[in-house]
Amino acid sequence: MVRASKTVIQCQERQANLNSILIKHYFDWGKRIGITKLLKS
């Protein structure tokens, strides 16, 4: 039981890390697009 719950926690942590990485990428991407739009206008 302990081993199983440990694995679940590790999976959740990995998912959280992936989510934060994705959010960071979207943020950088959005900033880049915003800057290029500002430069074009």
C-alpha atoms as a PDB file:
ATOM      1  CA  MET A   1       0.000   0.000   0.000  1.00  0.00           C
ATOM      2  CA  VAL A   2       2.747   2.441   0.941  1.00  0.00           C
ATOM      3  CA  ARG A   3       4.635   1.783  -2.277  1.00  0.00           C
ATOM      4  CA  ALA A   4       1.494   2.339  -4.364  1.00  0.00           C
ATOM      5  CA  SER A   5       0.672   5.663  -2.709  1.00  0.00           C
ATOM      6  CA  LYS A   6       4.288   6.764  -3.153  1.00  0.00           C
ATOM      7  CA  THR A   7       4.025   6.074  -6.884  1.00  0.00           C
ATOM      8  CA  VAL A   8       0.779   8.052  -7.093  1.00  0.00           C
ATOM      9  CA  ILE A   9       2.405  11.022  -5.354  1.00  0.00           C
ATOM     10  CA  GLN A  10       5.372  10.857  -7.736  1.00  0.00           C
ATOM     11  CA  CYS A  11       3.004  10.806 -10.717  1.00  0.00           C
ATOM     12  CA  GLN A  12       1.123  13.818  -9.353  1.00  0.00           C
ATOM     13  CA  GLU A  13       4.397  15.694  -8.809  1.00  0.00           C
ATOM     14  CA  ARG A  14       5.516  14.886 -12.342  1.00  0.00           C
ATOM     15  CA  GLN A  15       2.157  16.099 -13.696  1.00  0.00           C
ATOM     16  CA  ALA A  16       2.469  19.329 -11.699  1.00  0.00           C
ATOM     17  CA  ASN A  17       5.969  19.882 -13.091  1.00  0.00           C
ATOM     18  CA  LEU A  18       4.701  19.314 -16.639  1.00  0.00           C
ATOM     19  CA  ASN A  19       1.838  21.734 -16.069  1.00  0.00           C
ATOM     20  CA  SER A  20       4.120  24.491 -14.766  1.00  0.00           C
ATOM     21  CA  ILE A  21       6.506  23.952 -17.700  1.00  0.00           C
ATOM     22  CA  LEU A  22       3.590  24.173 -20.146  1.00  0.00           C
ATOM     23  CA  ILE A  23       2.268  27.328 -18.478  1.00  0.00           C
ATOM     24  CA  LYS A  24       5.733  28.885 -18.645  1.00  0.00           C
ATOM     25  CA  HIS A  25       6.005  28.001 -22.342  1.00  0.00           C
ATOM     26  CA  TYR A  26       2.561  29.470 -23.074  1.00  0.00           C
ATOM     27  CA  PHE A  27       3.544  32.609 -21.180  1.00  0.00           C
ATOM     28  CA  ASP A  28       6.783  33.038 -23.136  1.00  0.00           C
ATOM     29  CA  TRP A  29       4.950  32.263 -26.378  1.00  0.00           C
ATOM     30  CA  GLY A  30       2.216  34.792 -25.601  1.00  0.00           C
ATOM     31  CA  LYS A  31       4.785  37.457 -24.717  1.00  0.00           C
ATOM     32  CA  ARG A  32       6.667  36.824 -27.945  1.00  0.00           C
ATOM     33  CA  ILE A  33       3.478  37.081 -30.018  1.00  0.00           C
ATOM     34  CA  GLY A  34       2.445  40.219 -28.132  1.00  0.00           C
ATOM     35  CA  ILE A  35       5.828  41.830 -28.794  1.00  0.00           C
ATOM     36  CA  THR A  36       5.777  40.990 -32.510  1.00  0.00           C
ATOM     37  CA  LYS A  37       2.222  42.371 -32.771  1.00  0.00           C
ATOM     38  CA  LEU A  38       3.347  45.577 -31.061  1.00  0.00           C
ATOM     39  CA  LEU A  39       6.329  45.886 -33.396  1.00  0.00           C
ATOM     40  CA  LYS A  40       4.173  45.327 -36.480  1.00  0.00           C
ATOM     41  CA  SER A  41       1.523  47.886 -35.520  1.00  0.00           C
END
